[in-house]
Amino acid sequence: MTTVSWRTPQKNTDRAALDAFKCAERVPPSRKAPSWELEVEKYFHGQVWADTNRSRSLDQRFRVAEDVEGIAAAYTHARAAGLHPELSVPADTICRYMVMLGIAIRYRHQSGKFADEVLLNALYDIQDREAGQPEIVVFAKVHRHNQPSQKMLGRAGFEEDIPGTSASPLAWWSLILQT
């Protein structure tokens, strides 16, 4: 298990650390990171603050893991404001949405071990936020070409509900948490 400390970041003290957070790995031959990785990195470099404030009514949570080198991972999750029209859950079921999850480049290529720890932390945080609920449905959207994230979700028990397509590249995944 990787030694990190988890906490809720503060905008006035953590902006520089988040700006230094690198989770988009540049790969040859183009030396560009995949578009979905760049989107996640951009989100944590600036959009996360406004998004978390805007989604306060949805109980959005923003958490970071730190190690001796800085931010090792970050994620946000919130109550689902709306679902894909092809998805249905019982009316009284609590649904949460994994908004973003990023893993620092230095923790890549380790068979997903650290990514699994980060996702598990997020799922426990979701259970804590929804204490007393018998069941929580957690949704995640993942780009159809993002194999590492799809594998991470699969290892955690998520199932792909709606596959991504060339017209709509984000696939919808879900997991039912029994509390």
N, C-alpha and C. Protein backbone atom coordinates (compact mmCIF):
# COMPACT_ATOMS: atom_id res chain seq x y z
N MET A 1 0.84 -1.17 0.00
CA MET A 1 0.00 0.00 0.00
C MET A 1 0.89 1.24 0.00
N THR A 2 0.51 2.23 -0.79
CA THR A 2 1.28 3.46 -0.91
C THR A 2 0.99 4.37 0.27
N THR A 3 2.03 5.00 0.80
CA THR A 3 1.86 5.89 1.94
C THR A 3 1.53 7.29 1.46
N VAL A 4 0.28 7.66 1.63
CA VAL A 4 -0.19 9.00 1.30
C VAL A 4 -1.10 9.46 2.42
N SER A 5 -1.29 10.76 2.50
CA SER A 5 -2.27 11.30 3.44
C SER A 5 -3.38 11.96 2.63
N TRP A 6 -4.61 11.69 3.05
CA TRP A 6 -5.79 12.22 2.36
C TRP A 6 -6.32 13.45 3.07
N ARG A 7 -6.78 14.41 2.28
CA ARG A 7 -7.38 15.60 2.87
C ARG A 7 -8.20 16.35 1.84
N THR A 8 -8.97 17.30 2.34
CA THR A 8 -9.73 18.21 1.48
C THR A 8 -8.86 19.44 1.24
N PRO A 9 -8.53 19.73 -0.01
CA PRO A 9 -7.65 20.88 -0.29
C PRO A 9 -8.36 22.21 -0.08
N GLN A 10 -7.55 23.24 0.13
CA GLN A 10 -8.04 24.61 0.30
C GLN A 10 -7.50 25.46 -0.84
N LYS A 11 -8.36 26.24 -1.46
CA LYS A 11 -7.97 27.01 -2.64
C LYS A 11 -6.81 27.96 -2.35
N ASN A 12 -6.86 28.65 -1.22
CA ASN A 12 -5.84 29.67 -0.94
C ASN A 12 -4.47 29.08 -0.63
N THR A 13 -4.41 27.82 -0.18
CA THR A 13 -3.10 27.24 0.16
C THR A 13 -2.66 26.12 -0.79
N ASP A 14 -3.56 25.59 -1.58
CA ASP A 14 -3.22 24.42 -2.40
C ASP A 14 -3.21 24.67 -3.90
N ARG A 15 -3.45 25.89 -4.33
CA ARG A 15 -3.49 26.18 -5.76
C ARG A 15 -2.18 25.81 -6.45
N ALA A 16 -1.04 26.20 -5.88
CA ALA A 16 0.26 25.92 -6.51
C ALA A 16 0.52 24.41 -6.59
N ALA A 17 0.17 23.69 -5.54
CA ALA A 17 0.37 22.23 -5.56
C ALA A 17 -0.49 21.58 -6.63
N LEU A 18 -1.70 22.06 -6.79
CA LEU A 18 -2.56 21.49 -7.84
C LEU A 18 -2.08 21.89 -9.23
N ASP A 19 -1.56 23.10 -9.37
CA ASP A 19 -1.00 23.50 -10.67
C ASP A 19 0.19 22.62 -11.05
N ALA A 20 0.91 22.12 -10.06
CA ALA A 20 2.07 21.25 -10.31
C ALA A 20 1.67 19.78 -10.50
N PHE A 21 0.43 19.44 -10.22
CA PHE A 21 -0.06 18.06 -10.33
C PHE A 21 -0.10 17.65 -11.80
N LYS A 22 0.68 16.64 -12.13
CA LYS A 22 0.76 16.15 -13.51
C LYS A 22 0.16 14.75 -13.59
N CYS A 23 -0.94 14.65 -14.31
CA CYS A 23 -1.57 13.34 -14.48
C CYS A 23 -1.81 13.00 -15.95
N ALA A 24 -1.33 13.86 -16.85
CA ALA A 24 -1.44 13.60 -18.29
C ALA A 24 -0.07 13.22 -18.81
N GLU A 25 0.09 11.97 -19.16
CA GLU A 25 1.39 11.45 -19.58
C GLU A 25 1.59 11.65 -21.08
N ARG A 26 2.63 12.40 -21.42
CA ARG A 26 2.96 12.64 -22.83
C ARG A 26 3.64 11.38 -23.37
N VAL A 27 3.13 10.88 -24.50
CA VAL A 27 3.65 9.63 -25.05
C VAL A 27 4.11 9.82 -26.50
N PRO A 28 5.17 9.10 -26.89
CA PRO A 28 5.63 9.16 -28.28
C PRO A 28 4.58 8.52 -29.20
N PRO A 29 4.54 8.76 -30.46
CA PRO A 29 5.48 9.60 -31.20
C PRO A 29 5.12 11.08 -31.17
N SER A 30 3.89 11.43 -30.85
CA SER A 30 3.47 12.83 -30.94
C SER A 30 3.91 13.65 -29.74
N ARG A 31 4.29 12.99 -28.65
CA ARG A 31 4.67 13.65 -27.39
C ARG A 31 3.48 14.40 -26.79
N LYS A 32 2.28 13.98 -27.17
CA LYS A 32 1.06 14.56 -26.60
C LYS A 32 0.39 13.52 -25.73
N ALA A 33 -0.28 14.00 -24.72
CA ALA A 33 -1.07 13.10 -23.88
C ALA A 33 -2.43 12.88 -24.54
N PRO A 34 -3.06 11.75 -24.25
CA PRO A 34 -4.41 11.54 -24.77
C PRO A 34 -5.35 12.66 -24.30
N SER A 35 -6.33 12.98 -25.11
CA SER A 35 -7.22 14.11 -24.83
C SER A 35 -7.92 13.97 -23.48
N TRP A 36 -8.32 12.75 -23.11
CA TRP A 36 -9.02 12.59 -21.84
C TRP A 36 -8.10 12.85 -20.65
N GLU A 37 -6.81 12.51 -20.78
CA GLU A 37 -5.86 12.81 -19.69
C GLU A 37 -5.65 14.31 -19.57
N LEU A 38 -5.55 14.99 -20.70
CA LEU A 38 -5.39 16.45 -20.67
C LEU A 38 -6.61 17.11 -20.05
N GLU A 39 -7.78 16.58 -20.31
CA GLU A 39 -9.01 17.13 -19.73
C GLU A 39 -9.00 17.00 -18.21
N VAL A 40 -8.57 15.85 -17.71
CA VAL A 40 -8.51 15.64 -16.26
C VAL A 40 -7.48 16.58 -15.64
N GLU A 41 -6.30 16.69 -16.24
CA GLU A 41 -5.26 17.57 -15.71
C GLU A 41 -5.73 19.02 -15.71
N LYS A 42 -6.34 19.46 -16.79
CA LYS A 42 -6.86 20.83 -16.87
C LYS A 42 -7.91 21.08 -15.79
N TYR A 43 -8.76 20.11 -15.57
CA TYR A 43 -9.79 20.22 -14.54
C TYR A 43 -9.17 20.48 -13.17
N PHE A 44 -8.17 19.68 -12.81
CA PHE A 44 -7.56 19.85 -11.49
C PHE A 44 -6.65 21.08 -11.41
N HIS A 45 -6.20 21.59 -12.53
CA HIS A 45 -5.37 22.79 -12.52
C HIS A 45 -6.19 24.06 -12.33
N GLY A 46 -7.48 24.02 -12.50
CA GLY A 46 -8.23 25.26 -12.34
C GLY A 46 -9.72 25.13 -12.24
N GLN A 47 -10.33 24.28 -13.04
CA GLN A 47 -11.78 24.19 -13.07
C GLN A 47 -12.39 23.58 -11.81
N VAL A 48 -11.61 22.80 -11.10
CA VAL A 48 -12.13 22.08 -9.94
C VAL A 48 -12.71 23.02 -8.88
N TRP A 49 -12.09 24.18 -8.70
CA TRP A 49 -12.55 25.10 -7.65
C TRP A 49 -13.95 25.62 -7.98
N ALA A 50 -14.13 26.13 -9.19
CA ALA A 50 -15.44 26.67 -9.59
C ALA A 50 -16.48 25.55 -9.64
N ASP A 51 -16.09 24.39 -10.14
CA ASP A 51 -17.03 23.28 -10.24
C ASP A 51 -17.48 22.83 -8.85
N THR A 52 -16.55 22.73 -7.91
CA THR A 52 -16.91 22.31 -6.56
C THR A 52 -17.82 23.34 -5.89
N ASN A 53 -17.52 24.62 -6.07
CA ASN A 53 -18.40 25.66 -5.51
C ASN A 53 -19.78 25.63 -6.15
N ARG A 54 -19.82 25.51 -7.47
CA ARG A 54 -21.08 25.49 -8.21
C ARG A 54 -21.92 24.27 -7.83
N SER A 55 -21.27 23.17 -7.52
CA SER A 55 -21.97 21.91 -7.22
C SER A 55 -22.13 21.66 -5.73
N ARG A 56 -22.00 22.70 -4.94
CA ARG A 56 -22.14 22.55 -3.48
C ARG A 56 -23.50 21.94 -3.12
N SER A 57 -24.56 22.33 -3.84
CA SER A 57 -25.89 21.79 -3.54
C SER A 57 -25.98 20.29 -3.84
N LEU A 58 -25.04 19.79 -4.63
CA LEU A 58 -24.99 18.35 -4.94
C LEU A 58 -23.99 17.63 -4.04
N ASP A 59 -23.55 18.31 -2.98
CA ASP A 59 -22.60 17.73 -2.02
C ASP A 59 -21.33 17.26 -2.70
N GLN A 60 -20.81 18.10 -3.62
CA GLN A 60 -19.57 17.70 -4.30
C GLN A 60 -18.41 17.70 -3.32
N ARG A 61 -17.63 16.63 -3.38
CA ARG A 61 -16.44 16.47 -2.53
C ARG A 61 -15.21 16.50 -3.40
N PHE A 62 -14.18 17.17 -2.90
CA PHE A 62 -12.90 17.27 -3.59
C PHE A 62 -11.85 16.81 -2.59
N ARG A 63 -11.09 15.77 -2.95
CA ARG A 63 -10.09 15.20 -2.05
C ARG A 63 -8.78 15.02 -2.81
N VAL A 64 -7.68 15.16 -2.08
CA VAL A 64 -6.36 14.92 -2.65
C VAL A 64 -5.58 13.98 -1.74
N ALA A 65 -4.67 13.23 -2.35
CA ALA A 65 -3.72 12.39 -1.62
C ALA A 65 -2.35 13.01 -1.83
N GLU A 66 -1.61 13.15 -0.75
CA GLU A 66 -0.27 13.72 -0.84
C GLU A 66 0.77 12.70 -0.39
N ASP A 67 1.93 12.78 -1.03
CA ASP A 67 3.09 12.04 -0.58
C ASP A 67 4.22 13.05 -0.42
N VAL A 68 5.44 12.59 -0.26
CA VAL A 68 6.55 13.51 -0.03
C VAL A 68 6.85 14.39 -1.24
N GLU A 69 6.39 14.00 -2.43
CA GLU A 69 6.65 14.77 -3.65
C GLU A 69 5.54 15.75 -4.00
N GLY A 70 4.43 15.68 -3.29
CA GLY A 70 3.31 16.58 -3.61
C GLY A 70 2.03 15.79 -3.79
N ILE A 71 1.15 16.31 -4.62
CA ILE A 71 -0.13 15.65 -4.83
C ILE A 71 0.08 14.39 -5.66
N ALA A 72 -0.39 13.28 -5.12
CA ALA A 72 -0.25 11.98 -5.77
C ALA A 72 -1.52 11.57 -6.51
N ALA A 73 -2.65 12.08 -6.05
CA ALA A 73 -3.93 11.76 -6.69
C ALA A 73 -4.96 12.79 -6.25
N ALA A 74 -6.01 12.90 -7.04
CA ALA A 74 -7.11 13.79 -6.70
C ALA A 74 -8.39 13.21 -7.28
N TYR A 75 -9.50 13.48 -6.59
CA TYR A 75 -10.79 13.07 -7.15
C TYR A 75 -11.88 14.01 -6.65
N THR A 76 -12.97 14.03 -7.40
CA THR A 76 -14.19 14.71 -6.97
C THR A 76 -15.35 13.76 -7.24
N HIS A 77 -16.35 13.84 -6.37
CA HIS A 77 -17.60 13.11 -6.59
C HIS A 77 -18.74 13.95 -6.04
N ALA A 78 -19.93 13.73 -6.57
CA ALA A 78 -21.10 14.51 -6.17
C ALA A 78 -22.35 13.67 -6.37
N ARG A 79 -23.43 14.13 -5.76
CA ARG A 79 -24.72 13.51 -6.06
C ARG A 79 -25.02 13.75 -7.53
N ALA A 80 -25.63 12.78 -8.15
CA ALA A 80 -25.94 12.89 -9.58
C ALA A 80 -27.11 13.85 -9.78
N ALA A 81 -26.89 14.86 -10.62
CA ALA A 81 -27.95 15.82 -10.94
C ALA A 81 -28.88 15.26 -12.00
N GLY A 82 -28.34 14.42 -12.86
CA GLY A 82 -29.13 13.81 -13.92
C GLY A 82 -28.39 12.62 -14.48
N LEU A 83 -29.11 11.70 -15.06
CA LEU A 83 -28.50 10.50 -15.60
C LEU A 83 -28.74 10.44 -17.11
N HIS A 84 -27.98 9.59 -17.74
CA HIS A 84 -28.17 9.32 -19.16
C HIS A 84 -29.60 8.80 -19.34
N PRO A 85 -30.29 9.21 -20.41
CA PRO A 85 -31.69 8.78 -20.59
C PRO A 85 -31.88 7.26 -20.66
N GLU A 86 -30.84 6.53 -21.00
CA GLU A 86 -30.97 5.07 -21.07
C GLU A 86 -30.73 4.38 -19.73
N LEU A 87 -30.36 5.14 -18.71
CA LEU A 87 -30.12 4.57 -17.39
C LEU A 87 -31.34 4.80 -16.51
N SER A 88 -31.65 3.81 -15.70
CA SER A 88 -32.75 4.00 -14.76
C SER A 88 -32.40 3.33 -13.44
N VAL A 89 -32.81 3.99 -12.38
CA VAL A 89 -32.64 3.45 -11.04
C VAL A 89 -33.95 3.73 -10.30
N PRO A 90 -34.27 2.95 -9.28
CA PRO A 90 -35.49 3.23 -8.50
C PRO A 90 -35.47 4.66 -7.96
N ALA A 91 -36.64 5.25 -7.87
CA ALA A 91 -36.78 6.67 -7.51
C ALA A 91 -36.13 7.03 -6.18
N ASP A 92 -36.14 6.14 -5.21
CA ASP A 92 -35.59 6.46 -3.89
C ASP A 92 -34.12 6.10 -3.74
N THR A 93 -33.48 5.69 -4.81
CA THR A 93 -32.07 5.29 -4.75
C THR A 93 -31.17 6.52 -4.83
N ILE A 94 -30.19 6.58 -3.95
CA ILE A 94 -29.20 7.65 -3.99
C ILE A 94 -28.17 7.32 -5.06
N CYS A 95 -27.90 8.30 -5.91
CA CYS A 95 -26.90 8.12 -6.97
C CYS A 95 -25.80 9.16 -6.80
N ARG A 96 -24.57 8.72 -6.93
CA ARG A 96 -23.43 9.64 -6.91
C ARG A 96 -22.64 9.43 -8.18
N TYR A 97 -21.95 10.47 -8.55
CA TYR A 97 -21.22 10.50 -9.81
C TYR A 97 -19.75 10.80 -9.52
N MET A 98 -18.86 9.93 -9.99
CA MET A 98 -17.42 10.21 -9.92
C MET A 98 -17.16 11.27 -10.98
N VAL A 99 -16.92 12.49 -10.55
CA VAL A 99 -16.76 13.60 -11.50
C VAL A 99 -15.42 13.48 -12.20
N MET A 100 -14.33 13.42 -11.44
CA MET A 100 -12.99 13.27 -12.01
C MET A 100 -12.12 12.51 -11.02
N LEU A 101 -11.14 11.80 -11.57
CA LEU A 101 -10.16 11.10 -10.75
C LEU A 101 -8.85 11.12 -11.53
N GLY A 102 -7.81 11.63 -10.90
CA GLY A 102 -6.51 11.71 -11.56
C GLY A 102 -5.41 11.10 -10.70
N ILE A 103 -4.49 10.41 -11.35
CA ILE A 103 -3.35 9.76 -10.69
C ILE A 103 -2.08 10.41 -11.21
N ALA A 104 -1.19 10.82 -10.31
CA ALA A 104 0.08 11.43 -10.73
C ALA A 104 0.87 10.47 -11.61
N ILE A 105 1.57 11.03 -12.57
CA ILE A 105 2.35 10.22 -13.52
C ILE A 105 3.31 9.28 -12.80
N ARG A 106 3.88 9.72 -11.69
CA ARG A 106 4.86 8.88 -10.99
C ARG A 106 4.26 7.58 -10.45
N TYR A 107 2.93 7.48 -10.41
CA TYR A 107 2.28 6.26 -9.93
C TYR A 107 1.70 5.42 -11.06
N ARG A 108 2.03 5.76 -12.29
CA ARG A 108 1.54 4.99 -13.44
C ARG A 108 2.40 3.74 -13.63
N HIS A 109 1.89 2.84 -14.42
CA HIS A 109 2.61 1.62 -14.82
C HIS A 109 2.97 0.73 -13.62
N GLN A 110 2.04 0.63 -12.68
CA GLN A 110 2.23 -0.24 -11.51
C GLN A 110 1.08 -1.24 -11.39
N SER A 111 0.59 -1.67 -12.53
CA SER A 111 -0.53 -2.62 -12.59
C SER A 111 -1.80 -2.09 -11.93
N GLY A 112 -1.91 -0.78 -11.82
CA GLY A 112 -3.12 -0.17 -11.29
C GLY A 112 -3.27 -0.22 -9.79
N LYS A 113 -2.22 -0.64 -9.07
CA LYS A 113 -2.35 -0.80 -7.62
C LYS A 113 -2.71 0.51 -6.92
N PHE A 114 -1.99 1.57 -7.23
CA PHE A 114 -2.29 2.84 -6.57
C PHE A 114 -3.64 3.39 -7.03
N ALA A 115 -3.94 3.26 -8.31
CA ALA A 115 -5.24 3.71 -8.81
C ALA A 115 -6.38 3.00 -8.08
N ASP A 116 -6.21 1.70 -7.83
CA ASP A 116 -7.23 0.95 -7.09
C ASP A 116 -7.39 1.50 -5.67
N GLU A 117 -6.28 1.86 -5.03
CA GLU A 117 -6.34 2.45 -3.68
C GLU A 117 -7.10 3.77 -3.71
N VAL A 118 -6.84 4.58 -4.73
CA VAL A 118 -7.50 5.89 -4.84
C VAL A 118 -9.00 5.70 -5.04
N LEU A 119 -9.37 4.82 -5.95
CA LEU A 119 -10.80 4.57 -6.19
C LEU A 119 -11.46 4.02 -4.93
N LEU A 120 -10.79 3.13 -4.22
CA LEU A 120 -11.35 2.58 -2.99
C LEU A 120 -11.57 3.69 -1.96
N ASN A 121 -10.62 4.62 -1.85
CA ASN A 121 -10.78 5.74 -0.94
C ASN A 121 -12.01 6.56 -1.33
N ALA A 122 -12.18 6.79 -2.62
CA ALA A 122 -13.35 7.55 -3.10
C ALA A 122 -14.65 6.82 -2.76
N LEU A 123 -14.67 5.51 -2.93
CA LEU A 123 -15.89 4.75 -2.64
C LEU A 123 -16.21 4.77 -1.15
N TYR A 124 -15.19 4.68 -0.30
CA TYR A 124 -15.42 4.80 1.14
C TYR A 124 -15.92 6.20 1.49
N ASP A 125 -15.36 7.22 0.84
CA ASP A 125 -15.81 8.59 1.09
C ASP A 125 -17.27 8.74 0.67
N ILE A 126 -17.65 8.14 -0.44
CA ILE A 126 -19.04 8.17 -0.89
C ILE A 126 -19.94 7.51 0.15
N GLN A 127 -19.53 6.36 0.67
CA GLN A 127 -20.33 5.69 1.70
C GLN A 127 -20.46 6.57 2.94
N ASP A 128 -19.39 7.24 3.33
CA ASP A 128 -19.45 8.14 4.49
C ASP A 128 -20.42 9.29 4.25
N ARG A 129 -20.40 9.85 3.04
CA ARG A 129 -21.28 10.98 2.71
C ARG A 129 -22.74 10.56 2.69
N GLU A 130 -22.99 9.31 2.38
CA GLU A 130 -24.37 8.83 2.27
C GLU A 130 -24.69 7.82 3.38
N ALA A 131 -24.11 8.04 4.55
CA ALA A 131 -24.31 7.14 5.69
C ALA A 131 -25.81 6.95 5.94
N GLY A 132 -26.18 5.72 6.23
CA GLY A 132 -27.57 5.41 6.52
C GLY A 132 -28.38 4.99 5.30
N GLN A 133 -27.82 5.14 4.12
CA GLN A 133 -28.51 4.69 2.91
C GLN A 133 -28.23 3.20 2.71
N PRO A 134 -29.25 2.41 2.43
CA PRO A 134 -29.01 0.98 2.26
C PRO A 134 -28.22 0.64 1.00
N GLU A 135 -28.34 1.51 0.00
CA GLU A 135 -27.68 1.23 -1.26
C GLU A 135 -27.41 2.55 -1.99
N ILE A 136 -26.26 2.62 -2.63
CA ILE A 136 -25.85 3.81 -3.38
C ILE A 136 -25.38 3.34 -4.75
N VAL A 137 -25.88 3.97 -5.79
CA VAL A 137 -25.39 3.66 -7.13
C VAL A 137 -24.36 4.72 -7.50
N VAL A 138 -23.17 4.27 -7.84
CA VAL A 138 -22.08 5.18 -8.23
C VAL A 138 -21.90 5.07 -9.74
N PHE A 139 -21.95 6.22 -10.41
CA PHE A 139 -21.76 6.26 -11.86
C PHE A 139 -20.42 6.90 -12.18
N ALA A 140 -19.83 6.45 -13.26
CA ALA A 140 -18.58 7.04 -13.77
C ALA A 140 -18.66 7.04 -15.29
N LYS A 141 -18.07 8.07 -15.89
CA LYS A 141 -17.96 8.12 -17.35
C LYS A 141 -16.49 8.04 -17.70
N VAL A 142 -16.18 7.18 -18.68
CA VAL A 142 -14.79 6.96 -19.08
C VAL A 142 -14.71 6.94 -20.60
N HIS A 143 -13.69 7.61 -21.14
CA HIS A 143 -13.50 7.61 -22.58
C HIS A 143 -13.30 6.18 -23.08
N ARG A 144 -13.88 5.89 -24.22
CA ARG A 144 -13.87 4.51 -24.73
C ARG A 144 -12.47 3.99 -25.03
N HIS A 145 -11.49 4.87 -25.21
CA HIS A 145 -10.12 4.42 -25.47
C HIS A 145 -9.25 4.42 -24.20
N ASN A 146 -9.81 4.81 -23.08
CA ASN A 146 -9.05 4.88 -21.83
C ASN A 146 -9.07 3.51 -21.13
N GLN A 147 -8.24 2.62 -21.62
CA GLN A 147 -8.19 1.25 -21.10
C GLN A 147 -7.78 1.17 -19.63
N PRO A 148 -6.77 1.93 -19.17
CA PRO A 148 -6.40 1.82 -17.75
C PRO A 148 -7.56 2.15 -16.80
N SER A 149 -8.32 3.19 -17.11
CA SER A 149 -9.45 3.54 -16.23
C SER A 149 -10.56 2.50 -16.32
N GLN A 150 -10.80 1.97 -17.50
CA GLN A 150 -11.81 0.92 -17.64
C GLN A 150 -11.41 -0.31 -16.83
N LYS A 151 -10.13 -0.67 -16.87
CA LYS A 151 -9.66 -1.82 -16.09
C LYS A 151 -9.79 -1.55 -14.59
N MET A 152 -9.46 -0.32 -14.16
CA MET A 152 -9.58 0.04 -12.75
C MET A 152 -11.03 -0.11 -12.29
N LEU A 153 -11.96 0.41 -13.07
CA LEU A 153 -13.37 0.30 -12.70
C LEU A 153 -13.81 -1.16 -12.67
N GLY A 154 -13.38 -1.94 -13.64
CA GLY A 154 -13.72 -3.36 -13.67
C GLY A 154 -13.20 -4.11 -12.45
N ARG A 155 -11.97 -3.80 -12.04
CA ARG A 155 -11.40 -4.47 -10.86
C ARG A 155 -12.20 -4.14 -9.60
N ALA A 156 -12.81 -2.95 -9.57
CA ALA A 156 -13.58 -2.53 -8.40
C ALA A 156 -15.02 -3.05 -8.44
N GLY A 157 -15.40 -3.70 -9.53
CA GLY A 157 -16.75 -4.25 -9.62
C GLY A 157 -17.73 -3.42 -10.43
N PHE A 158 -17.27 -2.31 -11.00
CA PHE A 158 -18.14 -1.52 -11.87
C PHE A 158 -18.47 -2.33 -13.12
N GLU A 159 -19.61 -2.06 -13.69
CA GLU A 159 -20.00 -2.67 -14.96
C GLU A 159 -20.29 -1.58 -15.98
N GLU A 160 -19.93 -1.85 -17.22
CA GLU A 160 -20.20 -0.88 -18.28
C GLU A 160 -21.68 -1.00 -18.66
N ASP A 161 -22.41 0.11 -18.52
CA ASP A 161 -23.84 0.12 -18.84
C ASP A 161 -24.10 0.59 -20.26
N ILE A 162 -23.39 1.62 -20.68
CA ILE A 162 -23.56 2.18 -22.02
C ILE A 162 -22.18 2.37 -22.62
N PRO A 163 -21.83 1.61 -23.65
CA PRO A 163 -20.50 1.74 -24.25
C PRO A 163 -20.32 3.08 -24.95
N GLY A 164 -19.09 3.54 -24.99
CA GLY A 164 -18.78 4.74 -25.76
C GLY A 164 -18.77 4.42 -27.24
N THR A 165 -19.07 5.42 -28.04
CA THR A 165 -19.06 5.27 -29.50
C THR A 165 -18.23 6.39 -30.10
N SER A 166 -18.01 6.35 -31.40
CA SER A 166 -17.26 7.44 -32.03
C SER A 166 -18.03 8.75 -31.92
N ALA A 167 -19.34 8.70 -31.95
CA ALA A 167 -20.15 9.92 -31.82
C ALA A 167 -20.25 10.39 -30.37
N SER A 168 -20.24 9.46 -29.44
CA SER A 168 -20.35 9.78 -28.01
C SER A 168 -19.32 8.93 -27.28
N PRO A 169 -18.06 9.41 -27.18
CA PRO A 169 -16.96 8.56 -26.73
C PRO A 169 -16.94 8.19 -25.25
N LEU A 170 -17.76 8.82 -24.43
CA LEU A 170 -17.75 8.49 -23.01
C LEU A 170 -18.71 7.35 -22.70
N ALA A 171 -18.16 6.28 -22.14
CA ALA A 171 -18.97 5.14 -21.72
C ALA A 171 -19.44 5.37 -20.29
N TRP A 172 -20.64 4.92 -19.98
CA TRP A 172 -21.19 5.01 -18.63
C TRP A 172 -20.97 3.69 -17.90
N TRP A 173 -20.44 3.77 -16.69
CA TRP A 173 -20.19 2.62 -15.84
C TRP A 173 -20.94 2.82 -14.53
N SER A 174 -21.29 1.72 -13.86
CA SER A 174 -21.96 1.86 -12.56
C SER A 174 -21.56 0.74 -11.61
N LEU A 175 -21.73 1.06 -10.34
CA LEU A 175 -21.47 0.12 -9.25
C LEU A 175 -22.53 0.35 -8.19
N ILE A 176 -23.09 -0.72 -7.66
CA ILE A 176 -24.04 -0.60 -6.56
C ILE A 176 -23.30 -0.90 -5.27
N LEU A 177 -23.24 0.11 -4.40
CA LEU A 177 -22.61 -0.06 -3.08
C LEU A 177 -23.68 -0.45 -2.08
N GLN A 178 -23.50 -1.56 -1.42
CA GLN A 178 -24.38 -1.98 -0.34
C GLN A 178 -23.75 -1.50 0.96
N THR A 179 -24.50 -0.76 1.74
CA THR A 179 -23.92 -0.23 2.98
C THR A 179 -24.32 -1.05 4.18
